[in-house]
């Protein structure tokens, strides 16, 4: 069911002309969370098709799945310290990331040094949240390029957050912050400043600035003003995307979401991942009698191939937390969104979708039944929804153009390859 706007097709377009091997090795280091692993592996496939040899260093915690699907890649595991430390709260992602940015320093340095003894490495490509890798790369005289897995709008907002925190208000001319609300900022910091999020974001931005370049999973036509801004603030931006999350809600939010869907009288496919509702294995928190009222209008499943579902012509809207991968998939298929972000980059992406691109509706007051029903009606029934679909289809066309032979993403990829070969 994938049409020519799908991310799978776009990846193939970029990889269609494969030159002979250039015998240069790249070392890639993904963050061990699915929304970061997948873009890194997709990037690895693109660069392998450009003739590079690929080595993936990964942590023992949550290693890349299905490694046998990548027979031409070398996967190397390093200790992360998590299994040895019973005090680490694995349910708090920023705590885990801060912990591993300390515990992985020596194992990562040793692994990288051994690789360099065996053969030359052109450069290191690591996730932006692996900020410690910049000093390791510098110590080994190895260029480091950052993979930024979210939008360019997001990096501008993150870069402004320390200023906003220090001054206590949003009245700033810093690019990207004018659209953000106080509620958006609080969602980014859900869990509070005390859990180390500001420290993590500040370190990430500082070391991204110190890198040799930044690869963005986006394309220039989607974020034209932001591209101009990041070109001024960060070294060597390469928007070569799109190349192809986990949030939880409580039982009350889940029930409100269910009744909002039922009250909208629209047909829906609802993917409820097991464990995504606190205190429930799957559908235990589903309101009694709801499915009797919905009847054949609704279908609830544990999993669905999101990319293929979005490509289906029957899909008129996509309810999403607005992780960047899902947002891009929706844009690639020309589908408008209902945005209910949770934390980190999600509120930034959601605000961009609703206020800048105008291809979605933001649930401003959380999971309230009447607001959910109203949002669904706006997207699926009202004229406003038709206008969103028109804008979404226009962006889908821009995606396709960016991936043509002379398109911006294709050219950015060629520039990236030339840049790496210059090291």
Foldseek 3Di string as FASTA:
>chain_A
DFDCLFQVNLLCLLLVDADAAPAAEEEEEFDQDPLTLWVRVSVVVSVVSNRYQYEYEYEPPNDDPPCVVPVRYHYHYWYQCPVVDPPQDPVDVVSSLVSSLPRCLVRVLVVVVVVCVVDNHLAYEYELLNLSVLVSCVVVVGAYEYEDSADLLQLQVLVCVVVCVVVVDLPDPRPNSVLDDPVLVCLQQPVHVVSPPNVSSVSSNVSQQVGQEYEYLAFCVLPVVSVVVCVVRHHHYQDQHVHAHAAADELVLVQLLLLLVLVLLAADEAAWAQPRYPPGRTCPSHDPPSCVSCPNSYHYHNDDPLLVVLLDPVAAEEEDLQDRNSVSSNLSNLHAYEHAHGHNCSSSRVSCSCPPLNLYHYLPPGRHNVSSSVRCCCQPPDPSVVVSSVSSVVSNVLSSQLSHCPHRSSVSVVVVVVVSVVD
